[in-house]
């Protein structure tokens, strides 16, 4: 992650910060997420039944795709120098556009949209995160994650 002086954070607002590396969403990852969450809906974990749906295969849970934001964003999001820690502060919005089919490759595009000093030493960064699917025109989702930085 790039670190910049706090005074320069606002210089990045409105700018695309970059894209992550591609990540393959395989059936093992989907199954592990199902185990972790207890969400065993057939569309995610039963390739035979899922093949009979309009998707033609299993698909990743929407929240699996969403949970990738911190990992995929870690090398992209600009952060203040002298950072002590950064925590997930939530999401302002999420729109799932299309599902991520098993064995698809995804990557995250990140744009910084807002920087706000919550209190001395605490900076709230709002981004627009778009999960792109290789070979697809439409993204899987567009989300607005919030990161609270402590300096």
Protein backbone atom coordinates (compact mmCIF):
# COMPACT_ATOMS: atom_id res chain seq x y z
CA UNK A 1 0.00 0.00 0.00
CA UNK A 2 1.23 3.46 -0.78
CA UNK A 3 1.69 5.69 2.26
CA UNK A 4 1.46 9.46 1.92
CA UNK A 5 1.50 12.41 4.33
CA UNK A 6 -1.97 13.01 5.81
CA UNK A 7 -2.07 16.42 4.16
CA UNK A 8 -1.81 14.74 0.73
CA UNK A 9 -4.64 12.21 1.17
CA UNK A 10 -7.23 14.55 -0.33
CA UNK A 11 -5.07 14.89 -3.47
CA UNK A 12 -6.13 11.34 -4.36
CA UNK A 13 -9.88 11.93 -4.14
CA UNK A 14 -11.56 11.30 -7.48
CA UNK A 15 -8.63 9.29 -8.78
CA UNK A 16 -8.45 5.65 -9.73
CA UNK A 17 -5.84 4.09 -7.46
CA UNK A 18 -5.38 0.92 -9.48
CA UNK A 19 -6.47 -2.67 -9.93
CA UNK A 20 -5.59 -5.78 -7.98
CA UNK A 21 -4.11 -8.94 -9.43
CA UNK A 22 -6.56 -11.46 -10.88
CA UNK A 23 -7.92 -14.04 -8.41
CA UNK A 24 -9.60 -17.30 -9.47
CA UNK A 25 -12.80 -18.15 -7.61
CA UNK A 26 -12.75 -21.94 -7.57
CA UNK A 27 -15.23 -24.40 -6.10
CA UNK A 28 -13.02 -25.07 -3.09
CA UNK A 29 -13.13 -21.39 -2.08
CA UNK A 30 -16.92 -21.35 -2.55
CA UNK A 31 -17.33 -24.52 -0.47
CA UNK A 32 -15.12 -23.17 2.32
CA UNK A 33 -17.20 -19.98 2.42
CA UNK A 34 -20.37 -22.09 2.60
CA UNK A 35 -18.91 -23.99 5.55
CA UNK A 36 -17.85 -20.78 7.30
CA UNK A 37 -21.27 -19.16 6.93
CA UNK A 38 -23.64 -22.13 6.91
CA UNK A 39 -25.02 -21.02 3.53
CA UNK A 40 -25.25 -24.25 1.54
CA UNK A 41 -27.77 -23.09 -1.07
CA UNK A 42 -27.46 -25.47 -4.02
CA UNK A 43 -26.58 -22.69 -6.47
CA UNK A 44 -23.24 -22.40 -4.66
CA UNK A 45 -22.32 -25.96 -3.70
CA UNK A 46 -24.11 -28.43 -5.99
CA UNK A 47 -22.58 -28.36 -9.49
CA UNK A 48 -25.14 -30.85 -10.90
CA UNK A 49 -28.23 -28.93 -9.76
CA UNK A 50 -26.61 -25.55 -10.47
CA UNK A 51 -25.92 -26.62 -14.07
CA UNK A 52 -29.71 -26.74 -14.57
CA UNK A 53 -30.12 -23.05 -13.67
CA UNK A 54 -29.80 -20.08 -16.03
CA UNK A 55 -26.22 -19.64 -14.73
CA UNK A 56 -25.16 -23.07 -15.99
CA UNK A 57 -22.77 -23.64 -13.09
CA UNK A 58 -22.27 -22.89 -9.43
CA UNK A 59 -21.76 -19.26 -8.49
CA UNK A 60 -19.91 -17.59 -5.64
CA UNK A 61 -21.92 -16.22 -2.75
CA UNK A 62 -22.37 -12.47 -3.14
CA UNK A 63 -20.92 -12.00 0.32
CA UNK A 64 -17.91 -14.15 -0.60
CA UNK A 65 -17.15 -11.76 -3.44
CA UNK A 66 -17.73 -8.79 -1.15
CA UNK A 67 -15.50 -10.22 1.59
CA UNK A 68 -12.55 -10.09 -0.81
CA UNK A 69 -12.43 -6.28 -0.68
CA UNK A 70 -9.88 -5.96 2.15
CA UNK A 71 -7.47 -8.47 0.61
CA UNK A 72 -7.78 -7.22 -2.96
CA UNK A 73 -7.58 -3.57 -1.87
CA UNK A 74 -4.59 -3.92 0.48
CA UNK A 75 -1.92 -3.07 -2.08
CA UNK A 76 -3.97 -0.35 -3.79
CA UNK A 77 -5.58 1.92 -1.20
CA UNK A 78 -3.52 4.99 -0.38
CA UNK A 79 -3.02 5.31 3.38
CA UNK A 80 -1.65 7.99 5.70
CA UNK A 81 1.98 7.86 6.82
CA UNK A 82 2.59 6.82 10.43
CA UNK A 83 -0.44 4.54 10.27
CA UNK A 84 -1.01 2.63 13.52
CA UNK A 85 -3.90 0.55 12.19
CA UNK A 86 -6.75 0.54 9.74
CA UNK A 87 -10.15 -1.04 10.40
CA UNK A 88 -13.18 -1.86 8.30
CA UNK A 89 -15.76 0.86 9.06
CA UNK A 90 -18.50 -0.62 6.89
CA UNK A 91 -20.04 0.06 3.50
CA UNK A 92 -22.10 2.98 2.31
CA UNK A 93 -23.65 0.99 -0.51
CA UNK A 94 -23.39 -2.27 -2.43
CA UNK A 95 -25.02 -3.26 -5.69
CA UNK A 96 -24.58 -6.78 -7.02
CA UNK A 97 -24.67 -6.51 -10.81
CA UNK A 98 -24.04 -10.11 -11.89
CA UNK A 99 -22.91 -13.36 -10.28
CA UNK A 100 -19.38 -14.70 -10.27
CA UNK A 101 -19.44 -18.15 -11.86
CA UNK A 102 -17.13 -20.86 -10.53
CA UNK A 103 -13.59 -20.70 -11.96
CA UNK A 104 -14.00 -17.06 -13.00
CA UNK A 105 -11.12 -14.67 -12.48
CA UNK A 106 -11.89 -11.43 -10.66
CA UNK A 107 -9.98 -8.29 -9.77
CA UNK A 108 -10.82 -5.13 -7.86
CA UNK A 109 -10.66 -1.61 -9.29
CA UNK A 110 -10.42 1.07 -6.60
CA UNK A 111 -11.13 4.80 -6.72
CA UNK A 112 -10.80 7.04 -3.66
CA UNK A 113 -13.95 9.13 -3.37
CA UNK A 114 -13.78 10.85 0.01
CA UNK A 115 -11.36 11.64 2.85
CA UNK A 116 -12.73 12.89 6.15
CA UNK A 117 -10.99 13.61 9.45
CA UNK A 118 -13.37 12.06 12.00
CA UNK A 119 -11.36 13.33 14.97
CA UNK A 120 -7.68 14.10 15.52
CA UNK A 121 -5.65 11.10 14.40
CA UNK A 122 -8.62 9.33 12.76
CA UNK A 123 -9.17 9.53 9.01
CA UNK A 124 -12.13 7.95 7.22
CA UNK A 125 -11.43 6.90 3.64
CA UNK A 126 -14.32 6.13 1.32
CA UNK A 127 -13.66 4.31 -1.94
CA UNK A 128 -15.58 2.95 -4.87
CA UNK A 129 -14.64 -0.70 -5.34
CA UNK A 130 -15.66 -2.43 -8.55
CA UNK A 131 -15.18 -6.19 -8.82
CA UNK A 132 -14.40 -6.92 -12.45
CA UNK A 133 -14.88 -10.38 -13.97
CA UNK A 134 -12.40 -11.38 -16.65
CA UNK A 135 -14.04 -11.40 -20.08
CA UNK A 136 -17.26 -9.76 -18.85
CA UNK A 137 -18.43 -6.24 -19.66
CA UNK A 138 -20.44 -5.84 -16.45
CA UNK A 139 -18.82 -6.09 -13.01
CA UNK A 140 -19.89 -8.46 -10.24
CA UNK A 141 -20.58 -5.49 -7.96
CA UNK A 142 -19.93 -1.88 -7.17
CA UNK A 143 -19.44 -1.13 -3.49
CA UNK A 144 -18.41 1.82 -1.33
CA UNK A 145 -16.17 0.47 1.43
CA UNK A 146 -15.14 2.69 4.34
CA UNK A 147 -11.74 2.37 6.03
CA UNK A 148 -10.95 4.10 9.33
CA UNK A 149 -7.26 4.92 9.67
CA UNK A 150 -5.59 5.64 13.01
CA UNK A 151 -2.40 7.70 12.91
